[in-house]
Amino acid sequence: MGRAEPVGAGGGGDGTGKTSWPEVVGWSVQRAATQINGDRPDVSVTLIYSNPPWPPGHNPWRVVVISNEAGVVVKTPVIG
């Protein structure tokens, strides 16, 4: 039987419910992905370089990380 929402969705104060990572703006995509995976091992990280279209549809198991051509995160990564 599957879960209706990701583990930790809704919070709980233990860090497992984190849904955005504003602190990683300005970091390298590798460092940001490592941080996100450490905070939320139950989601996958999708890396997007430059400004292509956002992946279609909401996905509660995905965090999108957008970076510039140099591989630096330029927008707050969020679940979806």
Protein backbone atom coordinates (compact mmCIF):
# COMPACT_ATOMS: atom_id res chain seq x y z
CA MET A 1 0.00 0.00 0.00
CA GLY A 2 1.40 3.45 -0.95
CA ARG A 3 1.60 6.62 1.08
CA ALA A 4 -0.81 9.43 0.38
CA GLU A 5 1.92 12.04 0.94
CA PRO A 6 5.70 12.05 1.43
CA VAL A 7 7.15 11.03 4.77
CA GLY A 8 7.20 14.03 7.08
CA ALA A 9 4.73 16.06 5.07
CA GLY A 10 3.06 18.38 7.50
CA GLY A 11 6.09 18.76 9.71
CA GLY A 12 6.48 17.60 13.24
CA GLY A 13 9.47 19.65 14.28
CA ASP A 14 12.04 16.92 13.64
CA GLY A 15 13.26 18.28 10.28
CA THR A 16 11.69 15.52 8.19
CA GLY A 17 8.88 17.75 6.95
CA LYS A 18 11.09 20.29 5.21
CA THR A 19 9.61 21.43 1.89
CA SER A 20 11.96 24.23 0.76
CA TRP A 21 15.66 25.05 1.05
CA PRO A 22 16.24 28.82 0.81
CA GLU A 23 19.62 28.42 2.51
CA VAL A 24 21.12 26.66 -0.55
CA VAL A 25 20.67 29.60 -2.94
CA GLY A 26 24.21 30.55 -3.98
CA TRP A 27 25.58 27.04 -3.33
CA SER A 28 26.86 24.62 -5.97
CA VAL A 29 24.20 22.21 -7.23
CA GLN A 30 26.20 19.27 -5.88
CA ARG A 31 26.34 20.72 -2.38
CA ALA A 32 22.64 21.68 -2.52
CA ALA A 33 21.61 18.18 -3.68
CA THR A 34 23.64 16.61 -0.86
CA GLN A 35 21.96 18.89 1.71
CA ILE A 36 18.48 18.19 0.35
CA ASN A 37 19.08 14.43 0.25
CA GLY A 38 20.35 14.58 3.83
CA ASP A 39 17.27 16.49 4.99
CA ARG A 40 14.74 14.52 2.94
CA PRO A 41 16.04 11.12 1.76
CA ASP A 42 12.46 10.24 0.74
CA VAL A 43 12.45 12.65 -2.24
CA SER A 44 14.43 12.78 -5.47
CA VAL A 45 16.36 15.84 -6.62
CA THR A 46 15.91 17.11 -10.19
CA LEU A 47 18.62 19.48 -11.42
CA ILE A 48 17.80 22.09 -14.07
CA TYR A 49 20.51 24.27 -15.56
CA SER A 50 19.76 27.78 -16.81
CA ASN A 51 16.09 28.52 -17.40
CA PRO A 52 14.38 25.67 -19.28
CA PRO A 53 10.72 24.89 -18.66
CA TRP A 54 9.74 23.61 -15.21
CA PRO A 55 9.02 19.84 -15.14
CA PRO A 56 5.32 19.21 -15.81
CA GLY A 57 2.89 18.42 -13.02
CA HIS A 58 3.22 18.55 -9.27
CA ASN A 59 5.25 15.69 -7.77
CA PRO A 60 5.38 15.47 -3.95
CA TRP A 61 8.42 13.18 -4.24
CA ARG A 62 10.58 15.65 -6.23
CA VAL A 63 12.66 18.70 -5.36
CA VAL A 64 13.62 20.87 -8.33
CA VAL A 65 16.96 22.70 -8.11
CA ILE A 66 17.49 25.48 -10.68
CA SER A 67 21.00 26.74 -11.31
CA ASN A 68 22.82 29.09 -13.63
CA GLU A 69 25.32 27.96 -16.29
CA ALA A 70 28.06 27.90 -13.64
CA GLY A 71 26.15 25.33 -11.55
CA VAL A 72 25.17 27.74 -8.77
CA VAL A 73 21.64 27.50 -7.32
CA VAL A 74 19.66 30.63 -8.29
CA LYS A 75 16.16 29.90 -6.96
CA THR A 76 14.91 28.36 -3.71
CA PRO A 77 14.46 24.61 -4.27
CA VAL A 78 10.99 23.40 -3.32
CA ILE A 79 9.10 20.13 -3.31
CA GLY A 80 6.85 19.75 -6.29
